């Protein structure tokens, strides 16, 4: 369904990430992994501003 569609994959993962934050919290390993994967998928799409925001937020979680 999302093969070859980085923007679609990022959108689907963003929805899942919202749920993970709500269920597990911001500091949970699953949430952190999803945030990393979201940044990775966004990096493959042309929306570079979204990439920058996602990477910045993911980095703050690990520092």
C-alpha atoms as a PDB file:
ATOM      1  CA  UNK A   1       0.000   0.000   0.000  1.00  0.00           C
ATOM      2  CA  UNK A   2       2.739   2.517   0.924  1.00  0.00           C
ATOM      3  CA  UNK A   3       5.581   0.977  -1.085  1.00  0.00           C
ATOM      4  CA  UNK A   4       7.303   3.736  -2.990  1.00  0.00           C
ATOM      5  CA  UNK A   5       5.292   6.400  -1.189  1.00  0.00           C
ATOM      6  CA  UNK A   6       7.528   8.039   1.436  1.00  0.00           C
ATOM      7  CA  UNK A   7       5.057  10.863   2.049  1.00  0.00           C
ATOM      8  CA  UNK A   8       2.206   8.404   2.599  1.00  0.00           C
ATOM      9  CA  UNK A   9       4.344   6.278   4.893  1.00  0.00           C
ATOM     10  CA  UNK A  10       5.323   9.353   6.896  1.00  0.00           C
ATOM     11  CA  UNK A  11       1.688  10.422   7.224  1.00  0.00           C
ATOM     12  CA  UNK A  12       0.628   6.973   8.437  1.00  0.00           C
ATOM     13  CA  UNK A  13       3.505   6.821  10.906  1.00  0.00           C
ATOM     14  CA  UNK A  14       2.732  10.326  12.181  1.00  0.00           C
ATOM     15  CA  UNK A  15      -0.764   9.156  13.091  1.00  0.00           C
ATOM     16  CA  UNK A  16       0.652   6.086  14.818  1.00  0.00           C
ATOM     17  CA  UNK A  17       3.189   8.251  16.652  1.00  0.00           C
ATOM     18  CA  UNK A  18       0.407  10.401  18.110  1.00  0.00           C
ATOM     19  CA  UNK A  19      -1.164   7.241  19.523  1.00  0.00           C
ATOM     20  CA  UNK A  20       2.169   6.009  20.886  1.00  0.00           C
ATOM     21  CA  UNK A  21       2.781   9.283  22.700  1.00  0.00           C
ATOM     22  CA  UNK A  22      -0.693   9.100  24.194  1.00  0.00           C
ATOM     23  CA  UNK A  23      -0.418   5.433  25.233  1.00  0.00           C
ATOM     24  CA  UNK A  24       3.277   5.004  26.090  1.00  0.00           C
ATOM     25  CA  UNK A  25       4.444   8.562  26.757  1.00  0.00           C
ATOM     26  CA  UNK A  26       7.127  10.666  25.110  1.00  0.00           C
ATOM     27  CA  UNK A  27      10.109   8.855  26.659  1.00  0.00           C
ATOM     28  CA  UNK A  28       9.128   5.262  25.887  1.00  0.00           C
ATOM     29  CA  UNK A  29      11.447   3.265  23.609  1.00  0.00           C
ATOM     30  CA  UNK A  30       8.619   2.494  21.154  1.00  0.00           C
ATOM     31  CA  UNK A  31       7.786   6.197  20.895  1.00  0.00           C
ATOM     32  CA  UNK A  32      11.422   7.128  20.378  1.00  0.00           C
ATOM     33  CA  UNK A  33      11.836   4.479  17.694  1.00  0.00           C
ATOM     34  CA  UNK A  34       8.689   5.649  15.906  1.00  0.00           C
ATOM     35  CA  UNK A  35       9.911   9.252  16.068  1.00  0.00           C
ATOM     36  CA  UNK A  36      13.233   8.175  14.525  1.00  0.00           C
ATOM     37  CA  UNK A  37      11.468   6.208  11.779  1.00  0.00           C
ATOM     38  CA  UNK A  38       9.192   9.170  11.068  1.00  0.00           C
ATOM     39  CA  UNK A  39      12.239  11.394  10.613  1.00  0.00           C
ATOM     40  CA  UNK A  40      13.783   8.774   8.317  1.00  0.00           C
ATOM     41  CA  UNK A  41      10.655   8.549   6.136  1.00  0.00           C
ATOM     42  CA  UNK A  42      10.321  12.316   6.012  1.00  0.00           C
ATOM     43  CA  UNK A  43      13.956  12.557   4.934  1.00  0.00           C
ATOM     44  CA  UNK A  44      13.010  10.565   1.848  1.00  0.00           C
ATOM     45  CA  UNK A  45      10.273  13.030   0.904  1.00  0.00           C
ATOM     46  CA  UNK A  46      10.836  16.522  -0.482  1.00  0.00           C
ATOM     47  CA  UNK A  47       9.396  18.244   2.594  1.00  0.00           C
ATOM     48  CA  UNK A  48      12.727  19.299   4.093  1.00  0.00           C
ATOM     49  CA  UNK A  49      11.231  21.634   6.705  1.00  0.00           C
ATOM     50  CA  UNK A  50       9.275  18.722   8.163  1.00  0.00           C
ATOM     51  CA  UNK A  51      12.484  16.684   8.194  1.00  0.00           C
ATOM     52  CA  UNK A  52      14.293  19.325  10.152  1.00  0.00           C
ATOM     53  CA  UNK A  53      11.545  19.543  12.778  1.00  0.00           C
ATOM     54  CA  UNK A  54      11.282  15.755  13.179  1.00  0.00           C
ATOM     55  CA  UNK A  55      15.047  15.275  13.500  1.00  0.00           C
ATOM     56  CA  UNK A  56      15.339  18.124  15.991  1.00  0.00           C
ATOM     57  CA  UNK A  57      12.570  16.696  18.155  1.00  0.00           C
ATOM     58  CA  UNK A  58      14.022  13.168  17.975  1.00  0.00           C
ATOM     59  CA  UNK A  59      17.474  14.417  18.964  1.00  0.00           C
ATOM     60  CA  UNK A  60      16.083  16.273  21.979  1.00  0.00           C
ATOM     61  CA  UNK A  61      14.621  12.985  23.197  1.00  0.00           C
ATOM     62  CA  UNK A  62      18.078  11.356  23.327  1.00  0.00           C
ATOM     63  CA  UNK A  63      20.067  14.250  24.769  1.00  0.00           C
END
